[in-house]
N, C-alpha and C. Protein backbone atom coordinates (compact mmCIF):
# COMPACT_ATOMS: atom_id res chain seq x y z
N MET A 1 1.00 -1.50 0.06
CA MET A 1 0.16 0.22 -0.09
C MET A 1 0.87 0.57 0.11
N THR A 2 0.09 2.21 -0.74
CA THR A 2 1.33 3.30 -0.96
C THR A 2 1.09 4.76 0.00
N THR A 3 -0.11 5.08 0.44
CA THR A 3 -0.66 6.00 1.16
C THR A 3 -0.98 5.63 2.83
N PRO A 4 -0.30 6.58 3.70
CA PRO A 4 0.03 7.47 3.62
C PRO A 4 1.78 7.49 3.88
N ALA A 5 2.42 8.62 3.89
CA ALA A 5 4.19 8.84 3.14
C ALA A 5 4.75 9.31 4.86
N VAL A 6 4.10 9.55 5.62
CA VAL A 6 4.57 10.10 6.91
C VAL A 6 4.60 9.18 8.27
N ALA A 7 5.94 8.51 8.58
CA ALA A 7 5.20 8.26 10.45
C ALA A 7 4.84 8.90 10.81
N GLU A 8 3.41 7.99 11.81
CA GLU A 8 2.49 8.05 13.10
C GLU A 8 3.07 8.83 14.08
N GLN A 9 2.77 9.71 14.94
CA GLN A 9 3.39 9.65 16.45
C GLN A 9 2.26 9.34 17.33
N ALA A 10 2.17 8.76 18.33
CA ALA A 10 1.18 8.16 18.96
C ALA A 10 1.55 8.41 20.24
N PRO A 11 0.98 8.90 21.47
CA PRO A 11 1.94 8.64 22.80
C PRO A 11 2.43 7.21 23.43
N ARG A 12 3.07 6.75 24.28
CA ARG A 12 3.66 5.77 24.71
C ARG A 12 2.76 5.22 25.78
N LEU A 13 2.45 3.94 25.29
CA LEU A 13 1.39 3.41 26.33
C LEU A 13 2.35 2.62 27.53
N PRO A 14 1.67 2.47 28.81
CA PRO A 14 2.08 1.21 29.70
C PRO A 14 2.34 0.51 29.33
N TRP A 15 3.10 -0.14 29.50
CA TRP A 15 3.77 -1.68 29.40
C TRP A 15 2.93 -2.51 29.85
N ARG A 16 1.89 -2.33 30.70
CA ARG A 16 0.54 -3.65 30.84
C ARG A 16 -0.29 -3.34 29.84
N ARG A 17 -0.56 -2.22 29.55
CA ARG A 17 -1.52 -1.85 28.33
C ARG A 17 -0.81 -2.19 27.31
N GLN A 18 -0.18 -2.79 26.49
CA GLN A 18 0.46 -2.85 25.11
C GLN A 18 0.88 -4.56 24.91
N LEU A 19 0.33 -5.73 26.29
CA LEU A 19 0.45 -6.79 25.29
C LEU A 19 -1.11 -7.10 24.32
N ALA A 20 -1.94 -6.05 24.38
CA ALA A 20 -3.28 -6.78 23.50
C ALA A 20 -3.15 -6.25 21.83
N PRO A 21 -1.90 -4.90 21.84
CA PRO A 21 -1.96 -4.51 20.88
C PRO A 21 -0.81 -4.80 19.70
N ARG A 22 0.47 -4.75 21.06
CA ARG A 22 0.99 -5.87 20.53
C ARG A 22 1.04 -7.32 20.05
N CYS A 23 -0.29 -8.02 19.98
CA CYS A 23 -0.77 -9.08 19.94
C CYS A 23 -0.96 -9.30 18.42
N ALA A 24 -2.06 -7.92 18.64
CA ALA A 24 -2.58 -7.76 17.16
C ALA A 24 -2.29 -7.42 16.25
N ALA A 25 -1.06 -6.41 16.49
CA ALA A 25 0.47 -5.94 15.70
C ALA A 25 0.94 -6.69 15.03
N GLY A 26 1.55 -8.21 16.15
CA GLY A 26 2.13 -9.29 15.28
C GLY A 26 1.27 -10.65 14.05
N ALA A 27 0.24 -10.41 15.01
CA ALA A 27 -1.00 -11.10 14.26
C ALA A 27 -1.44 -10.47 12.56
N ALA A 28 -1.46 -9.13 12.57
CA ALA A 28 -1.67 -8.92 11.33
C ALA A 28 -0.30 -8.47 10.28
N ARG A 29 0.88 -8.66 10.99
CA ARG A 29 2.80 -8.91 10.20
C ARG A 29 2.18 -10.45 9.38
N LEU A 30 1.46 -11.48 10.39
CA LEU A 30 1.63 -12.78 9.66
C LEU A 30 -0.03 -12.17 9.08
N LEU A 31 -0.80 -12.04 9.18
CA LEU A 31 -2.25 -12.10 7.51
C LEU A 31 -1.25 -11.46 6.65
N VAL A 32 -0.75 -10.09 6.43
CA VAL A 32 -1.14 -9.11 5.63
C VAL A 32 0.01 -10.49 4.57
N ARG A 33 0.71 -11.23 4.62
CA ARG A 33 1.52 -11.93 3.83
C ARG A 33 0.76 -12.93 3.38
N LEU A 34 -0.71 -13.32 3.51
CA LEU A 34 -1.71 -13.76 2.64
C LEU A 34 -2.21 -13.63 1.02
N PRO A 35 -2.47 -13.66 0.43
CA PRO A 35 -3.28 -13.91 -0.86
C PRO A 35 -4.08 -12.98 -0.15
N PRO A 36 -4.46 -11.05 -1.11
CA PRO A 36 -6.32 -10.78 -0.13
C PRO A 36 -7.00 -11.30 0.05
N ALA A 37 -7.69 -12.62 -1.58
CA ALA A 37 -8.30 -12.83 -0.90
C ALA A 37 -8.82 -13.49 0.03
N ARG A 38 -7.96 -14.22 0.56
CA ARG A 38 -7.73 -15.54 1.40
C ARG A 38 -7.71 -14.10 2.96
N LEU A 39 -6.53 -13.21 2.87
CA LEU A 39 -7.44 -12.32 4.03
C LEU A 39 -8.09 -11.42 3.82
N HIS A 40 -9.14 -11.30 3.36
CA HIS A 40 -10.56 -11.00 3.12
C HIS A 40 -11.73 -12.33 3.92
N ARG A 41 -11.64 -13.56 3.39
CA ARG A 41 -11.92 -14.48 3.74
C ARG A 41 -11.87 -14.36 5.69
N VAL A 42 -10.66 -14.81 6.20
CA VAL A 42 -9.61 -14.52 7.04
C VAL A 42 -10.97 -13.50 8.15
N LEU A 43 -10.52 -12.50 7.93
CA LEU A 43 -11.39 -11.05 8.34
C LEU A 43 -12.90 -11.23 8.45
N GLY A 44 -13.63 -12.31 7.38
CA GLY A 44 -14.69 -12.25 7.44
C GLY A 44 -15.31 -13.28 8.56
N VAL A 45 -14.46 -14.26 8.21
CA VAL A 45 -14.99 -15.20 9.55
C VAL A 45 -14.40 -15.10 10.72
N VAL A 46 -13.70 -13.62 11.22
CA VAL A 46 -13.12 -13.00 12.20
C VAL A 46 -13.97 -11.99 12.63
N SER A 47 -14.77 -11.82 12.36
CA SER A 47 -15.33 -10.33 11.86
C SER A 47 -17.26 -10.92 13.28
N LYS A 48 -17.97 -12.41 12.31
CA LYS A 48 -18.47 -13.22 12.73
C LYS A 48 -18.95 -12.79 14.48
N GLY A 49 -20.23 -12.50 14.56
CA GLY A 49 -20.26 -12.55 16.32
C GLY A 49 -20.23 -11.26 16.85
N SER A 50 -19.77 -10.74 16.66
CA SER A 50 -19.11 -9.29 17.13
C SER A 50 -19.72 -7.77 16.50
N ARG A 51 -20.32 -7.36 17.90
CA ARG A 51 -20.86 -6.27 17.75
C ARG A 51 -20.23 -4.94 17.11
N PRO A 52 -21.03 -4.10 16.60
CA PRO A 52 -19.98 -2.93 16.03
C PRO A 52 -18.90 -2.02 16.73
N ALA A 53 -18.02 -1.50 15.98
CA ALA A 53 -17.34 0.00 17.35
C ALA A 53 -17.46 1.49 16.70
N GLY A 54 -17.67 2.25 17.98
CA GLY A 54 -17.34 3.14 17.88
C GLY A 54 -16.77 3.67 18.10
N TYR A 55 -16.71 5.02 16.80
CA TYR A 55 -15.62 6.28 15.54
C TYR A 55 -14.32 6.08 17.07
N ALA A 56 -14.98 6.48 18.96
CA ALA A 56 -13.52 6.83 19.86
C ALA A 56 -12.73 5.16 20.08
N GLU A 57 -13.76 4.49 19.58
CA GLU A 57 -12.77 2.90 20.19
C GLU A 57 -12.20 2.73 19.05
N VAL A 58 -12.74 2.56 18.02
CA VAL A 58 -11.78 2.24 17.24
C VAL A 58 -10.44 3.82 17.32
N ALA A 59 -11.01 4.58 17.50
CA ALA A 59 -9.55 5.90 17.08
C ALA A 59 -8.46 5.28 18.35
N ARG A 60 -9.20 4.90 18.75
CA ARG A 60 -8.33 4.11 20.69
C ARG A 60 -7.14 3.16 20.70
N ALA A 61 -7.85 1.76 19.48
CA ALA A 61 -7.10 0.51 18.75
C ALA A 61 -5.93 0.92 18.07
N ARG A 62 -6.66 1.91 17.24
CA ARG A 62 -5.60 2.71 15.89
C ARG A 62 -4.01 3.63 16.74
N ARG A 63 -4.80 4.18 17.23
CA ARG A 63 -3.14 4.61 18.24
C ARG A 63 -2.95 3.58 18.95
N SER A 64 -3.38 3.17 19.55
CA SER A 64 -2.33 1.89 20.52
C SER A 64 -1.62 1.45 19.30
N VAL A 65 -1.95 0.25 18.00
CA VAL A 65 -1.19 0.07 18.10
C VAL A 65 -0.72 0.30 16.96
N VAL A 66 -0.48 2.05 16.85
CA VAL A 66 0.49 2.29 16.58
C VAL A 66 2.10 3.00 17.35
N SER A 67 1.31 3.45 18.16
CA SER A 67 2.59 2.77 19.36
C SER A 67 2.72 2.06 19.95
N VAL A 68 2.87 0.94 19.26
CA VAL A 68 3.32 -0.43 19.54
C VAL A 68 4.20 -1.08 18.63
N SER A 69 4.02 -0.23 16.99
CA SER A 69 4.27 -0.61 15.97
C SER A 69 5.31 -0.18 15.27
N THR A 70 6.00 -0.57 14.65
CA THR A 70 6.88 1.10 13.82
C THR A 70 6.52 1.16 12.59
N ARG A 71 6.39 -0.24 12.05
CA ARG A 71 5.94 -0.60 10.77
C ARG A 71 4.23 0.22 10.63
N CYS A 72 3.71 -0.25 12.04
CA CYS A 72 1.92 0.54 11.57
C CYS A 72 1.55 2.00 12.09
N ALA A 73 2.72 2.50 12.84
CA ALA A 73 3.20 3.68 12.51
C ALA A 73 3.64 4.32 11.72
N GLY A 74 4.14 4.15 10.07
CA GLY A 74 4.97 4.02 9.36
C GLY A 74 3.91 3.33 7.82
N LEU A 75 4.66 3.39 6.91
CA LEU A 75 3.59 2.75 5.24
C LEU A 75 3.36 1.62 5.67
N GLY A 76 3.51 0.84 7.05
CA GLY A 76 2.64 -0.53 6.83
C GLY A 76 0.64 0.07 6.74
N CYS A 77 0.12 1.02 6.22
CA CYS A 77 -1.22 0.73 6.57
C CYS A 77 -2.10 -0.64 5.85
N LEU A 78 -2.00 -1.28 5.23
CA LEU A 78 -2.77 -2.71 5.26
C LEU A 78 -2.20 -3.27 6.64
N GLN A 79 -1.17 -3.54 7.36
CA GLN A 79 -0.80 -3.78 8.80
C GLN A 79 -1.42 -2.91 9.97
N ARG A 80 -1.54 -1.80 9.98
CA ARG A 80 -2.43 -0.88 11.17
C ARG A 80 -3.93 -1.28 10.51
N SER A 81 -4.21 -1.32 9.52
CA SER A 81 -5.61 -1.54 9.55
C SER A 81 -6.11 -3.35 9.50
N VAL A 82 -5.38 -3.86 9.67
CA VAL A 82 -5.70 -5.05 10.10
C VAL A 82 -5.44 -5.35 11.63
N ALA A 83 -4.36 -4.73 11.64
CA ALA A 83 -3.87 -4.66 14.00
C ALA A 83 -5.29 -3.92 14.49
N THR A 84 -5.42 -3.36 13.78
CA THR A 84 -5.79 -1.81 14.15
C THR A 84 -8.20 -3.10 14.73
N VAL A 85 -8.65 -3.73 13.32
CA VAL A 85 -9.50 -4.82 13.44
C VAL A 85 -9.50 -4.97 14.54
N LEU A 86 -8.55 -6.63 14.42
CA LEU A 86 -7.87 -7.53 14.96
C LEU A 86 -8.20 -6.95 16.98
N LEU A 87 -7.29 -6.21 16.40
CA LEU A 87 -7.36 -5.06 18.60
C LEU A 87 -8.96 -5.00 19.53
N CYS A 88 -9.81 -4.22 18.10
CA CYS A 88 -11.38 -4.33 18.40
C CYS A 88 -11.81 -5.29 18.95
N ARG A 89 -11.73 -6.48 17.79
CA ARG A 89 -12.17 -7.75 17.57
C ARG A 89 -11.29 -8.69 19.25
N ALA A 90 -10.78 -8.61 19.65
CA ALA A 90 -10.02 -8.80 21.01
C ALA A 90 -11.23 -8.48 21.57
N ARG A 91 -11.87 -7.11 22.07
CA ARG A 91 -12.72 -6.62 23.17
C ARG A 91 -14.57 -6.26 22.23
N GLY A 92 -14.02 -7.43 21.77
CA GLY A 92 -16.03 -8.28 21.06
C GLY A 92 -16.42 -6.93 19.68
N ARG A 93 -15.35 -5.97 19.54
CA ARG A 93 -16.80 -5.49 18.45
C ARG A 93 -15.13 -5.31 16.95
N TRP A 94 -15.83 -5.23 16.23
CA TRP A 94 -15.28 -5.06 15.30
C TRP A 94 -16.10 -3.54 14.22
N ALA A 95 -15.00 -2.92 13.74
CA ALA A 95 -14.87 -1.41 12.61
C ALA A 95 -14.47 -2.19 11.51
N ASP A 96 -15.19 -1.10 10.67
CA ASP A 96 -14.67 -1.67 8.88
C ASP A 96 -13.68 -2.05 7.84
N TRP A 97 -13.50 -2.31 8.15
CA TRP A 97 -12.30 -2.43 6.89
C TRP A 97 -11.80 -2.53 5.72
N CYS A 98 -11.36 -1.76 5.05
CA CYS A 98 -11.42 -1.04 3.73
C CYS A 98 -9.99 -1.15 3.10
N THR A 99 -9.82 -1.69 2.11
CA THR A 99 -8.96 -1.99 0.85
C THR A 99 -9.38 -0.74 -0.34
N GLY A 100 -8.37 0.05 -0.85
CA GLY A 100 -8.86 0.76 -2.12
C GLY A 100 -7.66 0.88 -2.30
N PHE A 101 -7.43 1.80 -3.98
CA PHE A 101 -6.77 2.07 -5.07
C PHE A 101 -7.29 3.54 -5.58
N ARG A 102 -6.26 4.33 -6.11
CA ARG A 102 -6.77 5.80 -6.67
C ARG A 102 -6.22 4.94 -7.85
N THR A 103 -6.04 5.97 -8.93
CA THR A 103 -5.91 5.93 -10.07
C THR A 103 -4.89 7.60 -10.48
N GLU A 104 -4.63 8.25 -10.10
CA GLU A 104 -4.58 10.00 -10.50
C GLU A 104 -3.16 10.74 -9.47
N PRO A 105 -2.34 9.87 -9.23
CA PRO A 105 -1.93 8.94 -9.30
C PRO A 105 -1.81 7.56 -8.71
N PHE A 106 -1.60 6.74 -8.83
CA PHE A 106 -2.00 5.45 -8.77
C PHE A 106 -1.42 5.31 -7.49
N GLY A 107 -2.21 4.86 -6.51
CA GLY A 107 -1.88 4.44 -4.95
C GLY A 107 -2.56 3.37 -4.99
N ALA A 108 -2.31 2.72 -3.46
CA ALA A 108 -3.70 1.73 -2.95
C ALA A 108 -3.74 2.24 -1.32
N HIS A 109 -4.18 1.47 -0.73
CA HIS A 109 -4.59 2.31 0.63
C HIS A 109 -4.93 1.51 1.44
N ALA A 110 -5.72 1.26 2.56
CA ALA A 110 -6.16 0.31 3.27
C ALA A 110 -6.39 1.32 5.19
N TRP A 111 -7.62 1.02 5.02
CA TRP A 111 -7.60 1.92 6.11
C TRP A 111 -8.96 1.42 6.82
N VAL A 112 -9.80 1.24 8.34
CA VAL A 112 -10.63 1.40 8.60
C VAL A 112 -11.61 2.69 9.41
N GLU A 113 -13.06 2.01 8.87
CA GLU A 113 -13.70 2.62 8.66
C GLU A 113 -14.69 2.42 10.34
N ALA A 114 -15.29 3.80 10.91
CA ALA A 114 -16.20 3.56 12.04
C ALA A 114 -17.10 4.84 11.82
N ASP A 115 -18.65 3.83 12.47
CA ASP A 115 -19.60 5.41 12.52
C ASP A 115 -20.06 5.63 10.76
N GLY A 116 -19.22 5.33 10.09
CA GLY A 116 -19.11 5.22 8.35
C GLY A 116 -18.20 6.52 7.53
N ARG A 117 -17.12 6.90 9.17
CA ARG A 117 -16.38 7.59 7.84
C ARG A 117 -15.17 6.76 8.40
N PRO A 118 -13.94 7.31 7.54
CA PRO A 118 -12.41 6.73 8.08
C PRO A 118 -12.17 7.11 9.66
N VAL A 119 -11.16 6.36 9.91
CA VAL A 119 -11.36 6.84 11.28
C VAL A 119 -9.03 7.66 11.24
N ASP A 120 -9.33 8.24 11.32
CA ASP A 120 -8.09 8.87 11.82
C ASP A 120 -6.89 9.19 10.95
N GLU A 121 -7.27 9.51 8.95
CA GLU A 121 -7.03 8.75 7.90
C GLU A 121 -6.46 10.33 7.71
N PRO A 122 -5.43 10.25 7.31
CA PRO A 122 -4.52 11.49 6.99
C PRO A 122 -4.48 11.87 5.66
N GLY A 123 -5.12 12.89 4.90
CA GLY A 123 -5.53 13.63 3.35
C GLY A 123 -7.42 12.49 3.08
N GLU A 124 -7.90 13.02 2.46
CA GLU A 124 -8.43 12.44 1.23
C GLU A 124 -8.65 10.96 0.97
N LEU A 125 -9.97 10.02 1.34
CA LEU A 125 -10.30 8.94 0.98
C LEU A 125 -11.12 8.80 0.03
N SER A 126 -11.92 10.50 -0.40
CA SER A 126 -13.22 9.25 -1.83
C SER A 126 -12.76 9.71 -2.71
N VAL A 127 -10.84 9.91 -2.74
CA VAL A 127 -10.64 8.91 -3.99
C VAL A 127 -10.53 8.66 -4.80
N PHE A 128 -10.46 6.91 -3.61
CA PHE A 128 -10.02 6.10 -3.14
C PHE A 128 -11.25 4.34 -3.83
N ARG A 129 -11.09 4.07 -4.33
CA ARG A 129 -12.26 3.32 -5.22
C ARG A 129 -11.92 1.78 -3.98
N THR A 130 -13.01 1.80 -3.27
CA THR A 130 -13.21 0.41 -2.71
C THR A 130 -13.11 -1.22 -3.10
N VAL A 131 -11.77 -1.80 -3.31
CA VAL A 131 -12.31 -2.85 -3.67
C VAL A 131 -12.23 -3.76 -2.96
N LEU A 132 -11.51 -3.82 -1.50
CA LEU A 132 -11.99 -4.60 -0.70
C LEU A 132 -12.87 -4.49 0.62
N ALA A 133 -13.79 -4.76 1.09
CA ALA A 133 -13.96 -4.04 2.45
C ALA A 133 -14.83 -5.49 3.36
N VAL A 134 -14.66 -5.22 4.64
CA VAL A 134 -15.40 -6.58 5.93
C VAL A 134 -15.88 -5.44 6.58
N ARG A 135 -17.13 -5.38 6.18
CA ARG A 135 -18.47 -5.04 7.10
C ARG A 135 -18.32 -5.30 8.48
N ARG A 136 -19.57 -4.25 9.18
CA ARG A 136 -18.87 -4.49 10.95
C ARG A 136 -20.85 -5.11 10.16
N PRO A 137 -21.10 -6.60 11.07
CA PRO A 137 -22.25 -7.14 11.24
C PRO A 137 -23.43 -6.87 11.26
N ASP A 138 -23.38 -5.76 12.01
CA ASP A 138 -24.68 -5.86 12.13
C ASP A 138 -26.26 -4.47 11.16
N GLY A 139 -26.39 -5.12 9.74
CA GLY A 139 -26.34 -4.52 8.67
C GLY A 139 -26.34 -3.12 7.83
N HIS A 140 -24.88 -1.86 9.40
CA HIS A 140 -24.84 -0.29 8.80
C HIS A 140 -25.14 -0.50 7.82
N ARG A 141 -25.05 -1.62 6.30
CA ARG A 141 -24.69 -1.14 4.90
C ARG A 141 -25.61 -2.75 4.54
N SER A 142 -25.69 -2.44 3.38
CA SER A 142 -26.75 -3.81 3.16
C SER A 142 -24.59 -4.52 2.51
N THR A 143 -24.88 -5.88 3.26
CA THR A 143 -23.78 -6.60 3.24
C THR A 143 -24.14 -7.99 2.44
N SER A 144 -23.49 -8.82 2.03
CA SER A 144 -23.24 -9.88 1.01
C SER A 144 -23.20 -10.90 1.69
N GLY A 145 -23.93 -11.12 2.85
CA GLY A 145 -23.14 -12.08 3.80
C GLY A 145 -22.30 -12.18 5.04
N HIS A 146 -22.15 -12.16 6.13
CA HIS A 146 -21.41 -12.01 6.81
C HIS A 146 -20.63 -10.24 7.47
N GLY A 147 -21.87 -9.67 6.67
CA GLY A 147 -20.36 -8.42 6.70
C GLY A 147 -19.66 -8.44 5.61
N VAL A 148 -19.54 -9.10 5.18
CA VAL A 148 -17.86 -9.60 4.02
C VAL A 148 -18.64 -9.44 2.75
N ARG A 149 -17.73 -8.11 1.63
CA ARG A 149 -18.63 -7.15 0.72
C ARG A 149 -17.55 -7.45 0.00
N PRO A 150 -17.14 -7.83 -0.95
CA PRO A 150 -15.75 -8.28 -2.17
C PRO A 150 -15.72 -7.10 -2.75
N SER A 151 -16.76 -6.68 -2.67
CA SER A 151 -16.37 -5.31 -3.52
C SER A 151 -17.91 -3.74 -3.43
N GLU A 152 -17.12 -2.79 -3.30
CA GLU A 152 -18.27 -1.23 -2.68
C GLU A 152 -18.20 -0.98 -4.33
N GLY A 153 -17.23 -0.77 -4.36
CA GLY A 153 -17.67 0.24 -5.99
C GLY A 153 -16.78 1.83 -5.38
N SER A 154 -17.19 2.79 -6.23
CA SER A 154 -16.48 4.40 -5.88
C SER A 154 -16.98 4.27 -4.14
N ARG A 155 -16.05 5.11 -3.06
CA ARG A 155 -16.44 5.01 -2.34
C ARG A 155 -17.55 6.80 -2.08
N SER A 156 -18.30 7.06 -2.00
CA SER A 156 -19.09 8.74 -1.58
C SER A 156 -19.58 9.55 -0.06
């Protein structure tokens, strides 16, 4: 993935609060090596039985994984987004996981949404066309089974 190009800063977590984010970042590092379709299926299965996560909760999870992983803080948008949804899922919640691309200039990106909007993403994501998404399972948007949506078309 190619966007954003600047490392993010997050406050350092106390040692006792680093275990779950570190586990999520480690698991995400392994999962992002899967082919995209398989990653999509795995996240779809993981999302089952969860409740929707709110924006503030997802933002805290995102900051947590950024604070414990230099890859998640930098150019690792795919790992950061997967780690964020995994950390939310460890708490019984699910946020919308999305990947997409833009054509002018070409770029790919992965991000997490909550309450219908991207969570703490720099820049304008409306230029990205969503290719893969695992939506929250509560029917927030029309879905094709278990909150999994293989393609969504243009973001608006």
